[in-house]
Protein backbone atom coordinates (compact mmCIF):
# COMPACT_ATOMS: atom_id res chain seq x y z
CA MET A 1 19.49 7.63 21.24
CA LEU A 2 18.50 5.46 18.34
CA CYS A 3 16.96 3.55 20.20
CA HIS A 4 15.42 5.94 22.12
CA LEU A 5 14.00 8.05 19.09
CA LEU A 6 12.88 4.43 18.02
CA TYR A 7 10.47 3.54 21.06
CA CYS A 8 9.43 7.03 21.92
CA ARG A 9 7.42 6.77 17.84
CA GLY A 10 6.32 2.44 18.78
CA TYR A 11 9.16 1.01 18.42
CA GLN A 12 9.16 -0.26 21.91
CA THR A 13 10.96 -4.17 22.00
CA GLU A 14 14.30 -5.66 20.88
CA GLU A 15 12.79 -7.47 17.84
CA ASP A 16 10.95 -3.92 16.51
CA ILE A 17 14.00 -2.16 16.36
CA TYR A 18 16.36 -5.23 14.91
CA SER A 19 14.08 -5.03 12.60
CA PHE A 20 13.84 -1.84 12.04
CA PHE A 21 17.00 -1.53 11.18
CA THR A 22 18.15 -5.09 9.11
CA GLU A 23 14.39 -5.89 7.92
CA GLY A 24 12.76 -2.51 6.67
CA PRO A 25 9.74 -1.58 6.57
CA PRO A 26 6.88 -4.33 4.72
CA SER A 27 5.51 -5.31 0.90
CA HIS A 28 2.80 -6.66 1.83
CA ASP A 29 0.80 -9.11 -0.94
CA PRO A 30 -1.36 -7.55 -3.14
CA LEU A 31 -3.48 -9.83 -3.43
CA LYS A 32 -4.57 -10.03 -0.29
CA LEU A 33 -6.37 -6.49 -0.84
CA PRO A 34 -10.45 -7.35 -1.27
CA ASP A 35 -12.31 -7.23 -4.75
CA ILE A 36 -8.62 -7.46 -6.09
CA ASP A 37 -9.30 -11.23 -8.02
CA ALA A 38 -13.01 -9.35 -9.30
CA ALA A 39 -10.89 -6.19 -10.58
CA THR A 40 -8.21 -8.07 -11.81
CA GLY A 41 -10.19 -10.66 -13.66
CA ARG A 42 -12.20 -7.62 -15.29
CA ILE A 43 -9.45 -5.27 -16.46
CA ARG A 44 -7.64 -8.29 -17.61
CA SER A 45 -10.82 -9.20 -20.34
CA ALA A 46 -11.00 -5.54 -20.85
CA ILE A 47 -7.60 -5.69 -22.89
CA GLU A 48 -8.16 -9.02 -23.99
CA ARG A 49 -11.29 -6.91 -25.59
CA HIS A 50 -9.09 -3.73 -26.69
CA GLU A 51 -12.24 -1.96 -24.28
CA CYS A 52 -12.70 2.13 -24.00
CA VAL A 53 -11.88 2.32 -20.22
CA ALA A 54 -12.12 5.90 -18.53
CA ILE A 55 -10.23 5.81 -15.15
CA TYR A 56 -11.70 9.12 -12.40
CA GLY A 57 -9.39 10.76 -10.45
CA ASP A 58 -9.78 13.45 -8.05
CA PHE A 59 -7.93 17.02 -8.08
CA ASP A 60 -5.42 17.13 -5.65
CA CYS A 61 -1.83 15.58 -5.63
CA ASP A 62 -3.16 11.90 -4.17
CA GLY A 63 -5.79 11.72 -7.12
CA LEU A 64 -3.50 13.49 -9.82
CA THR A 65 -0.89 11.11 -9.38
CA SER A 66 -3.08 8.09 -9.17
CA SER A 67 -4.98 8.41 -12.70
CA ALA A 68 -1.15 9.14 -14.05
CA ALA A 69 0.00 5.63 -12.09
CA LEU A 70 -3.12 3.66 -13.35
CA GLU A 71 -2.65 4.96 -17.23
CA GLU A 72 0.39 4.30 -17.71
CA THR A 73 0.31 0.95 -16.27
CA LEU A 74 -3.32 0.24 -18.38
CA ARG A 75 -1.38 1.93 -21.48
CA GLY A 76 1.31 -0.57 -21.21
CA TYR A 77 -1.28 -3.66 -21.58
CA GLY A 78 -1.98 -1.93 -24.90
CA LEU A 79 -5.34 0.42 -23.54
CA ASP A 80 -5.51 4.42 -24.44
CA PRO A 81 -7.91 4.65 -21.53
CA LEU A 82 -9.59 7.85 -21.43
CA VAL A 83 -9.08 10.08 -18.26
CA HIS A 84 -10.94 12.17 -15.67
CA ILE A 85 -10.41 14.64 -13.84
CA PRO A 86 -12.94 16.69 -12.43
CA SER A 87 -12.93 20.36 -11.10
CA ARG A 88 -12.59 21.87 -7.02
CA GLU A 89 -16.20 23.19 -8.38
CA GLU A 90 -17.41 19.86 -9.47
CA GLY A 91 -16.71 18.18 -6.05
CA HIS A 92 -14.28 14.88 -5.03
CA GLY A 93 -16.31 11.88 -6.05
CA LEU A 94 -18.33 10.02 -8.72
CA HIS A 95 -20.85 12.88 -10.21
CA PRO A 96 -23.79 11.59 -12.89
CA GLU A 97 -22.76 14.35 -15.30
CA ALA A 98 -19.82 12.97 -15.67
CA LEU A 99 -20.26 9.75 -15.81
CA VAL A 100 -23.16 10.41 -18.39
CA LYS A 101 -20.19 12.43 -20.19
CA LEU A 102 -18.11 9.15 -20.10
CA ALA A 103 -20.57 6.21 -21.19
CA SER A 104 -21.22 8.45 -24.15
CA THR A 105 -17.69 8.49 -25.29
CA GLY A 106 -17.76 4.51 -25.78
CA ALA A 107 -16.65 3.84 -22.38
CA THR A 108 -17.73 0.50 -21.12
CA LEU A 109 -15.61 0.46 -17.65
CA LEU A 110 -14.92 2.80 -15.82
CA ILE A 111 -12.12 2.92 -12.91
CA SER A 112 -12.36 4.98 -9.90
CA VAL A 113 -9.06 6.33 -8.36
CA ASP A 114 -9.31 7.80 -4.39
CA CYS A 115 -12.61 8.43 -4.60
CA GLY A 116 -16.10 6.11 -5.10
CA VAL A 117 -16.51 4.26 -1.67
CA THR A 118 -18.87 5.67 -0.68
CA ALA A 119 -20.56 6.70 -4.08
CA ILE A 120 -22.97 4.08 -4.17
CA ASP A 121 -25.66 5.30 -6.11
CA GLU A 122 -23.12 6.84 -8.39
CA VAL A 123 -21.88 3.38 -9.45
CA GLN A 124 -25.75 2.27 -10.20
CA VAL A 125 -26.02 5.54 -12.72
CA ALA A 126 -22.65 4.24 -13.81
CA ARG A 127 -23.99 0.91 -14.47
CA LYS A 128 -27.23 1.88 -15.86
CA LEU A 129 -25.58 3.92 -18.54
CA GLY A 130 -24.30 0.72 -19.65
CA MET A 131 -20.25 0.75 -17.88
CA ASP A 132 -18.59 -1.63 -15.14
CA VAL A 133 -16.92 -0.34 -13.21
CA ILE A 134 -14.42 -0.66 -10.41
CA VAL A 135 -13.57 1.30 -7.45
CA THR A 136 -10.42 1.97 -6.01
CA ASP A 137 -10.21 3.85 -2.55
CA HIS A 138 -8.08 4.10 0.28
CA HIS A 139 -10.84 6.67 1.67
CA GLU A 140 -13.21 5.34 5.00
CA PRO A 141 -16.30 3.63 3.92
CA ARG A 142 -20.32 4.85 5.14
CA ALA A 143 -20.43 3.95 8.72
CA ASP A 144 -22.78 0.97 8.82
CA GLY A 145 -20.25 -0.73 5.96
CA SER A 146 -22.25 -0.27 2.56
CA LEU A 147 -20.23 -0.29 -0.98
CA PRO A 148 -21.06 0.67 -3.88
CA ASP A 149 -22.27 -3.13 -5.81
CA CYS A 150 -18.65 -3.47 -8.15
CA PRO A 151 -15.80 -4.39 -6.89
CA VAL A 152 -14.38 -1.91 -4.37
CA VAL A 153 -10.42 -2.62 -3.99
CA ASP A 154 -9.96 -0.05 0.10
CA PRO A 155 -7.65 -1.48 2.09
CA VAL A 156 -10.10 -0.02 4.87
CA ARG A 157 -13.77 -1.83 4.38
CA HIS A 158 -14.35 -3.25 7.11
CA ASP A 159 -14.39 -6.53 5.76
CA SER A 160 -10.80 -6.21 4.47
CA HIS A 161 -7.89 -8.64 5.55
CA TYR A 162 -5.05 -6.42 4.26
CA PRO A 163 -1.93 -5.91 6.64
CA PHE A 164 -1.93 -2.23 6.34
CA ARG A 165 -4.73 0.08 6.79
CA GLY A 166 -3.13 3.37 5.71
CA LEU A 167 -2.33 3.46 1.89
CA CYS A 168 -3.10 6.49 -0.20
CA GLY A 169 -4.65 6.49 -3.33
CA VAL A 170 -2.04 6.25 -5.31
CA GLY A 171 -0.45 2.95 -3.32
CA VAL A 172 -3.50 1.13 -3.63
CA VAL A 173 -3.34 1.89 -7.98
CA TYR A 174 0.72 0.79 -6.91
CA LYS A 175 -0.41 -2.53 -5.36
CA LEU A 176 -3.13 -2.73 -7.92
CA ALA A 177 -0.26 -2.55 -10.45
CA GLN A 178 1.37 -5.46 -9.32
CA ALA A 179 -1.42 -7.96 -8.77
CA LEU A 180 -1.88 -7.33 -12.56
CA ALA A 181 1.49 -8.03 -12.96
CA LEU A 182 1.52 -10.88 -10.83
CA ARG A 183 -1.63 -12.34 -13.74
CA ILE A 184 -1.44 -10.31 -16.96
CA PRO A 185 2.53 -11.28 -18.17
CA ALA A 186 3.95 -8.62 -19.76
CA ASN A 187 7.32 -6.42 -19.77
CA LEU A 188 5.58 -4.06 -17.40
CA ASP A 189 7.60 -3.32 -13.86
CA PRO A 190 4.66 -2.30 -11.40
CA ASP A 191 7.82 -0.08 -9.67
CA ASP A 192 8.43 2.21 -12.62
CA LEU A 193 5.38 4.01 -10.34
CA LEU A 194 6.56 4.88 -7.36
CA ASP A 195 7.89 7.85 -8.28
CA LEU A 196 4.72 8.91 -8.47
CA VAL A 197 3.53 6.99 -5.87
CA ALA A 198 6.01 8.99 -3.12
CA LEU A 199 5.18 12.00 -4.15
CA GLY A 200 1.36 11.34 -3.71
CA THR A 201 1.87 9.60 -0.55
CA VAL A 202 3.36 12.28 1.10
CA ALA A 203 1.77 14.83 -0.17
CA ASP A 204 -2.19 12.18 0.81
CA VAL A 205 0.01 13.11 4.69
CA VAL A 206 -0.45 9.76 5.14
CA PRO A 207 1.61 7.70 8.00
CA LEU A 208 4.80 7.14 7.01
CA ARG A 209 4.29 3.93 8.73
CA ASP A 210 4.57 0.05 7.99
CA GLU A 211 4.50 -0.44 3.79
CA ASN A 212 3.82 3.58 3.27
CA ARG A 213 8.05 3.69 4.43
CA PHE A 214 8.68 1.10 2.12
CA LEU A 215 7.08 3.16 -0.97
CA VAL A 216 8.53 6.12 0.40
CA MET A 217 11.77 4.80 0.68
CA GLN A 218 11.69 3.06 -2.49
CA GLY A 219 10.00 6.11 -4.52
CA LEU A 220 12.75 8.37 -2.51
CA ARG A 221 15.73 6.82 -5.02
CA ARG A 222 12.86 6.14 -8.09
CA LEU A 223 12.12 10.48 -7.83
CA GLN A 224 16.19 10.97 -7.31
CA LYS A 225 16.71 9.16 -11.11
CA THR A 226 13.15 9.77 -12.95
CA SER A 227 13.09 10.37 -16.47
CA ARG A 228 9.82 11.52 -16.09
CA ALA A 229 10.47 14.82 -17.80
CA GLY A 230 7.29 16.74 -16.20
CA LEU A 231 8.92 15.39 -12.59
CA ARG A 232 12.29 16.80 -13.89
CA ALA A 233 10.80 20.67 -14.81
CA LEU A 234 9.42 20.32 -11.24
CA PHE A 235 12.14 19.86 -9.92
CA GLU A 236 14.22 22.46 -11.58
CA VAL A 237 11.26 25.37 -10.50
CA ALA A 238 10.44 24.56 -6.74
CA GLY A 239 14.63 24.59 -6.80
CA VAL A 240 15.08 21.14 -5.34
CA ASP A 241 18.49 18.97 -5.66
CA PRO A 242 17.01 15.50 -6.60
CA ALA A 243 20.25 14.77 -5.40
CA ARG A 244 18.72 15.75 -1.84
CA LEU A 245 15.31 15.02 -2.14
CA ASP A 246 13.36 13.93 0.95
CA PRO A 247 9.70 14.17 2.26
CA THR A 248 10.03 17.59 3.30
CA SER A 249 10.74 18.92 -0.24
CA ILE A 250 7.72 17.29 -1.57
CA GLY A 251 5.60 18.45 1.09
CA PHE A 252 6.98 21.76 0.80
CA TYR A 253 8.20 22.54 -2.59
CA LEU A 254 6.48 19.79 -5.15
CA ALA A 255 3.22 19.07 -3.96
CA PRO A 256 2.31 22.60 -3.27
CA ARG A 257 3.04 23.20 -7.38
CA VAL A 258 0.69 20.58 -7.62
CA ASN A 259 -2.16 21.36 -5.99
CA ALA A 260 -1.92 25.02 -6.70
CA ALA A 261 -3.79 23.60 -10.02
CA ASN A 262 -6.84 22.68 -8.41
CA ARG A 263 -6.81 25.72 -5.91
CA LEU A 264 -6.57 28.51 -8.40
CA ALA A 265 -7.04 26.67 -12.20
CA ASP A 266 -7.69 23.22 -14.05
CA PRO A 267 -5.98 20.39 -11.99
CA ASN A 268 -5.77 19.05 -15.51
CA ILE A 269 -2.27 21.63 -15.82
CA ALA A 270 -1.01 20.24 -13.40
CA TYR A 271 -1.89 16.26 -14.73
CA ALA A 272 -0.06 17.64 -18.35
CA LEU A 273 2.07 18.19 -16.34
CA LEU A 274 3.15 14.90 -14.22
CA THR A 275 2.45 12.58 -18.27
CA ALA A 276 4.78 15.03 -19.79
CA ARG A 277 7.03 13.61 -22.06
CA ASP A 278 8.38 16.94 -24.11
CA PRO A 279 10.44 18.33 -22.17
CA ASP A 280 9.97 21.81 -23.35
CA VAL A 281 6.39 21.43 -22.88
CA ALA A 282 7.34 20.49 -19.32
CA LYS A 283 9.01 23.20 -18.46
CA GLN A 284 6.02 25.77 -18.97
CA LEU A 285 3.61 23.77 -17.17
CA ALA A 286 5.94 23.86 -14.29
CA ARG A 287 6.63 27.37 -14.77
CA THR A 288 2.87 27.84 -14.82
CA LEU A 289 2.19 26.23 -11.61
CA SER A 290 4.59 27.73 -10.25
CA ALA A 291 2.94 31.41 -10.78
CA PHE A 292 0.00 30.09 -9.48
CA ASN A 293 2.04 29.02 -6.20
CA GLU A 294 3.15 32.15 -5.59
CA GLN A 295 -0.32 33.70 -5.72
CA ARG A 296 -1.74 30.75 -3.75
CA GLN A 297 0.66 31.58 -1.15
CA SER A 298 -0.34 35.44 -0.83
CA LEU A 299 -3.71 34.90 -0.90
CA VAL A 300 -2.78 32.38 2.26
CA ASN A 301 -1.23 34.90 3.90
CA GLN A 302 -2.78 37.77 3.57
CA ARG A 303 -6.45 35.63 4.72
CA ALA A 304 -4.73 33.84 7.86
CA ASP A 305 -4.04 36.45 9.39
CA GLN A 306 -7.26 38.33 9.14
CA LEU A 307 -8.45 35.23 10.54
CA TYR A 308 -6.20 35.24 13.33
CA GLU A 309 -7.42 38.51 14.02
CA ALA A 310 -11.08 37.50 13.92
CA VAL A 311 -10.42 34.66 16.02
CA GLY A 312 -8.47 36.56 18.67
CA ASP A 313 -5.49 35.12 21.44
CA PRO A 314 -4.67 31.41 21.41
CA GLU A 315 -4.78 31.53 25.18
CA VAL A 316 -8.04 33.57 25.57
CA LEU A 317 -9.88 30.56 23.63
CA LEU A 318 -8.67 27.94 24.47
CA ALA A 319 -8.95 28.10 28.15
CA GLU A 320 -12.50 29.41 27.14
CA THR A 321 -12.72 26.29 25.30
CA ARG A 322 -11.16 23.90 27.75
CA LEU A 323 -14.16 25.50 30.30
CA GLY A 324 -16.48 24.79 28.15
CA VAL A 325 -17.74 28.00 27.57
CA ARG A 326 -17.55 27.69 23.31
CA PRO A 327 -17.20 24.54 21.28
CA PRO A 328 -13.94 22.34 20.58
CA VAL A 329 -13.92 23.67 17.19
CA LEU A 330 -12.69 27.03 14.90
CA ILE A 331 -15.79 27.55 12.45
CA GLU A 332 -15.43 30.62 9.76
CA VAL A 333 -16.77 30.99 6.02
CA GLY A 334 -15.96 33.79 4.27
CA GLU A 335 -15.17 35.00 0.53
CA TRP A 336 -12.42 33.73 -0.96
CA THR A 337 -11.49 31.06 -3.28
CA ALA A 338 -12.51 27.70 -2.05
CA GLY A 339 -9.04 26.02 -3.12
CA ILE A 340 -7.86 28.29 -0.36
CA SER A 341 -10.14 26.36 1.88
CA GLY A 342 -8.33 23.75 3.08
CA LEU A 343 -4.65 25.95 3.29
CA LEU A 344 -7.13 27.92 6.24
CA ALA A 345 -8.62 25.16 7.95
CA SER A 346 -4.72 24.00 8.61
CA LYS A 347 -3.31 27.23 9.43
CA LEU A 348 -5.88 27.97 12.05
CA SER A 349 -5.84 24.11 13.37
CA ASP A 350 -2.15 24.68 14.20
CA ARG A 351 -2.46 28.28 15.79
CA TYR A 352 -5.70 27.69 18.01
CA GLY A 353 -5.15 23.62 17.98
CA LEU A 354 -8.06 22.46 17.68
CA PRO A 355 -10.09 21.16 14.52
CA ALA A 356 -11.08 23.70 11.89
CA PHE A 357 -13.97 24.05 9.61
CA VAL A 358 -13.20 26.54 6.68
CA GLY A 359 -15.90 27.75 3.90
CA SER A 360 -16.16 29.31 0.58
CA GLU A 361 -19.91 30.88 -0.79
CA SER A 362 -20.34 29.84 -4.53
CA ARG A 363 -24.18 30.53 -5.65
CA ASP A 364 -26.07 28.75 -3.38
CA THR A 365 -23.34 26.60 -2.21
CA VAL A 366 -21.09 27.14 0.78
CA SER A 367 -17.58 24.67 0.70
CA VAL A 368 -15.97 23.47 3.44
CA SER A 369 -12.77 21.66 4.26
CA ALA A 370 -11.65 20.92 7.60
CA ARG A 371 -8.42 20.17 9.17
CA GLY A 372 -8.08 18.16 12.75
CA VAL A 373 -5.71 17.74 15.55
CA GLY A 374 -4.38 14.42 17.11
CA GLY A 375 -7.19 12.87 18.63
CA VAL A 376 -9.81 13.66 16.96
CA TYR A 377 -11.18 11.91 13.57
CA ILE A 378 -12.93 14.25 10.93
CA ASP A 379 -14.73 11.36 9.17
CA GLU A 380 -16.48 10.52 12.47
CA ILE A 381 -17.44 13.74 13.21
CA LEU A 382 -18.77 14.22 9.14
CA GLU A 383 -21.03 11.41 9.82
CA ALA A 384 -22.20 11.97 12.94
CA CYS A 385 -24.00 15.79 11.58
CA GLU A 386 -25.04 13.61 8.47
CA LEU A 387 -27.36 10.91 11.08
CA ALA A 388 -27.72 14.30 13.36
CA VAL A 389 -29.93 15.29 10.95
CA PRO A 390 -33.48 14.43 9.57
CA GLY A 391 -32.77 12.91 5.72
CA GLY A 392 -29.11 14.25 6.39
CA LEU A 393 -27.10 17.37 6.04
CA PHE A 394 -24.50 17.89 3.73
CA HIS A 395 -24.57 17.49 -0.35
CA GLY A 396 -21.34 15.54 -0.35
CA TYR A 397 -19.16 15.01 2.11
CA GLY A 398 -15.94 12.64 2.77
CA GLY A 399 -12.81 12.37 4.33
CA HIS A 400 -11.11 11.10 7.24
CA ALA A 401 -9.70 11.27 10.29
CA ARG A 402 -7.82 14.17 10.23
CA ALA A 403 -8.90 15.85 6.84
CA GLY A 404 -12.24 16.16 5.29
CA GLY A 405 -14.53 18.19 4.05
CA PHE A 406 -18.42 19.00 2.54
CA ARG A 407 -21.03 20.69 0.42
CA VAL A 408 -24.21 22.39 2.25
CA SER A 409 -26.63 24.32 0.28
CA LYS A 410 -26.80 28.19 1.58
CA ASP A 411 -29.73 28.29 3.04
CA ARG A 412 -28.82 25.16 5.78
CA TRP A 413 -25.17 26.89 5.89
CA GLU A 414 -26.82 28.03 9.96
CA LEU A 415 -28.06 25.04 10.99
CA ALA A 416 -25.25 22.76 9.43
CA ARG A 417 -22.93 25.19 12.14
CA ILE A 418 -25.13 23.88 14.79
CA THR A 419 -24.99 21.11 13.69
CA LEU A 420 -20.69 21.03 13.97
CA GLU A 421 -21.03 22.26 17.38
CA GLU A 422 -23.16 20.14 18.46
CA GLN A 423 -21.22 17.38 17.15
CA ALA A 424 -17.48 19.00 18.13
CA ARG A 425 -18.76 19.03 21.71
CA LEU A 426 -19.90 15.48 22.23
CA HIS A 427 -16.71 14.22 19.84
CA VAL A 428 -13.87 16.13 20.73
CA PRO A 429 -11.92 15.29 24.31
CA LEU A 430 -10.21 18.15 25.42
CA ASP A 431 -7.50 17.51 26.75
CA VAL A 432 -6.08 16.83 23.56
CA VAL A 433 -7.18 20.50 22.25
CA GLY A 434 -4.59 23.11 22.54
CA THR A 435 -0.92 22.99 20.40
CA VAL A 436 1.30 20.65 21.87
CA LEU A 437 4.98 19.75 20.96
CA THR A 438 6.12 16.68 22.51
CA ALA A 439 10.00 16.68 22.99
CA ASP A 440 12.23 13.39 22.99
CA ALA A 441 15.31 14.35 24.66
CA ASP A 442 15.90 16.66 26.83
CA VAL A 443 19.87 17.32 25.52
CA PRO A 444 22.45 20.04 25.85
CA LEU A 445 23.84 21.99 22.52
CA ARG A 446 27.03 20.40 22.05
CA LYS A 447 25.46 17.15 21.69
CA LEU A 448 23.06 18.24 18.68
CA THR A 449 26.54 17.44 16.44
CA ALA A 450 27.06 17.17 12.74
CA TYR A 451 27.59 13.81 13.40
CA ALA A 452 24.90 13.36 15.82
CA ALA A 453 22.40 15.07 12.84
CA SER A 454 23.78 12.06 10.31
CA GLN A 455 22.87 9.93 13.16
CA VAL A 456 19.03 10.83 13.33
CA LEU A 457 19.28 10.69 9.41
CA THR A 458 19.65 7.12 9.87
CA LEU A 459 16.10 6.73 10.65
CA ALA A 460 15.16 9.21 7.92
CA PRO A 461 11.96 9.50 6.33
CA PHE A 462 9.96 11.21 8.79
CA GLY A 463 7.02 12.25 8.08
CA ASN A 464 2.63 12.45 9.75
CA GLU A 465 3.06 9.38 12.90
CA PHE A 466 6.56 9.40 12.03
CA GLY A 467 8.17 12.17 12.93
CA GLU A 468 11.69 14.37 12.74
CA PRO A 469 13.12 13.96 16.63
CA LEU A 470 12.67 17.53 18.27
CA PHE A 471 14.30 17.97 20.71
CA LEU A 472 14.35 20.09 23.87
CA VAL A 473 17.47 22.74 25.04
CA ARG A 474 17.14 24.10 28.02
CA ASP A 475 18.52 27.90 28.64
CA VAL A 476 20.87 28.66 25.49
CA SER A 477 21.68 31.83 24.92
CA LEU A 478 20.13 34.14 21.77
CA MET A 479 23.60 35.73 20.37
CA HIS A 480 21.39 37.68 17.33
CA CYS A 481 18.29 37.54 15.90
CA ARG A 482 17.85 38.31 11.91
CA VAL A 483 15.09 38.03 9.74
CA VAL A 484 15.68 36.24 6.17
CA SER A 485 14.31 39.02 3.79
CA ASP A 486 12.04 41.67 3.49
CA GLY A 487 8.64 40.98 4.08
CA SER A 488 9.87 37.41 5.65
CA LYS A 489 8.21 35.46 8.37
CA HIS A 490 11.58 33.27 8.17
CA VAL A 491 14.30 34.91 10.79
CA LYS A 492 18.21 33.08 11.13
CA LEU A 493 19.26 33.19 14.67
CA LYS A 494 22.76 32.56 16.91
CA LEU A 495 22.34 30.33 20.46
CA GLN A 496 25.28 29.90 23.11
CA GLN A 497 25.57 27.80 25.08
CA GLY A 498 28.50 27.58 27.34
CA ASP A 499 31.62 27.48 24.69
CA MET A 500 29.26 25.93 22.01
CA ARG A 501 27.78 28.34 18.95
CA MET A 502 25.05 27.17 16.68
CA SER A 503 23.44 28.70 13.96
CA ALA A 504 19.24 28.64 13.54
CA VAL A 505 16.13 29.23 11.90
CA HIS A 506 12.48 29.39 12.89
CA PHE A 507 10.28 29.91 9.67
CA ASN A 508 7.46 31.73 10.30
CA SER A 509 8.54 32.51 13.79
CA GLY A 510 6.59 35.89 15.40
CA ASP A 511 7.26 38.89 15.87
CA GLU A 512 8.29 38.33 19.44
CA ILE A 513 11.21 36.95 18.93
CA ILE A 514 12.82 39.72 16.57
CA GLY A 515 12.53 42.50 19.58
CA LEU A 516 13.94 39.98 22.10
CA SER A 517 17.55 41.72 23.01
CA ALA A 518 21.14 40.14 22.66
CA GLY A 519 21.51 37.68 25.98
CA THR A 520 17.65 36.53 26.26
CA ARG A 521 18.24 33.18 27.16
CA LEU A 522 14.96 30.47 25.75
CA ASP A 523 14.53 27.29 26.17
CA ILE A 524 14.02 25.72 22.84
CA LEU A 525 12.44 22.47 21.07
CA CYS A 526 14.37 22.48 17.53
CA HIS A 527 15.42 19.75 14.89
CA VAL A 528 18.89 19.15 14.80
CA GLN A 529 19.64 19.44 10.73
CA LEU A 530 22.99 18.70 7.86
CA ASN A 531 23.35 22.19 6.28
CA HIS A 532 24.69 21.59 2.73
CA TRP A 533 26.76 25.01 2.21
CA ARG A 534 28.95 24.69 -1.06
CA ASP A 535 32.05 21.95 -0.18
CA MET A 536 31.24 22.33 3.70
CA VAL A 537 28.70 20.07 6.08
CA LYS A 538 27.55 21.68 9.24
CA ALA A 539 25.56 21.05 11.73
CA GLU A 540 22.31 23.60 11.81
CA LEU A 541 18.98 24.25 14.20
CA CYS A 542 15.96 24.35 12.75
CA VAL A 543 13.92 25.99 15.74
CA ARG A 544 10.01 25.14 16.07
CA ASP A 545 9.07 26.68 19.42
CA TRP A 546 10.73 28.97 22.39
CA ARG A 547 10.14 30.20 25.76
CA LEU A 548 11.61 32.74 27.81
CA ALA A 549 14.62 30.27 30.55
CA GLU A 550 13.35 30.33 33.59
């Protein structure tokens, strides 16, 4: 079974599969990154001259962990860096106002993390203000390949020879720290950053392949034993057992709390947590983030239900899309805080299987977040929109294949909407629209045992482009179904096939399954997992979808 599951994930030769189990994922030479020599050389000069160095980050979990990792590294070399974390209102990327402020503090070297690869004009501003600049980023450069006039450490540069293009921002910072350790002898271990690297890598939903598998596997081990007061406090408020930490724990419980700060308040609260040393301060910050996260969940669920009602039935909408009656994209703007737009876009794209652009208005600007589906490239759509309008369309834009965003003035919003629809028709293949779940194997219920679940776990960690195995089980009988708690959308199920009975959980289920009578026969798509309860361990199914059995 394991060989089949690996085959489904692209490991399709005997050598690939043997390597997966014996050698593990690779860790590439950091000196192969573009401009790494120039970047480490300039940082070395800053260390030798005790310069004032500024770190320019981003407000999401990847940007925050990137900033924290670089700050820790530079402090290890005796520097006392300034850190600028922009607010969501300020937006992604470098901004002249912030650059002026940093220059006024005496900074002579600016290092960007998780941003900057397209900031050609802004880097010129920084240099005119007397700051040298190093860009570290993982996003795509401009379509013509042009780059800022400074060292740009980015594995996806058009001229990059780095073996892996999938690093996130904090992954690039980790490789920079490795390169510095090779160039500048010091009592520092870049691997001490791996707990932050795992958090940022999983949160940014980059492909869990190649070097990212190495970073997350090693980082999870570090996270389980982390001494960071902020992360330990985060585990406590999120109810996460460090001993059972996995990407799901990060993606569903830890990262949302870190990101709640930028969605509803100030990202510097989350940054203070990541860098906290006092356990009491860390606990208070973690409780604050947890409260923001609860508020965020309530807002998103309320607005999502309103959007589902406005957009309509998925089957009708997809039928119209495939017939060409409507463009293959969802575009919605409403009066909600900009911080939840990306989450609403994710919910729409998940429900309807279409790329979704969701925005909010503030003063004279519409800020839009985008989420894509497999086979659709959000960054290419945004680039095409920008080029389609003489003089450009957006105030600012950026992203990668599955996510992105832009800002546009209110008086150009209708033009932006029309342009998005036109470019979606050109860039969204109709054969990829619609939510599709593909089973790895068709199995009887009796095969999904605790032993099978433990075998599946040998392939972990799971994530983007290396998904948790999905099994199709046909013709099971629904014995019992109940809602987990009042107001919850999660249900507990009891299923039977022959003499085999199993418990299952179905998260965010619709009302339809609650209305089914006992004995109803179903086909289910599910994961098999281990459920630890006190001293007992047993197999449990996590249902992803179901249909009535034929």
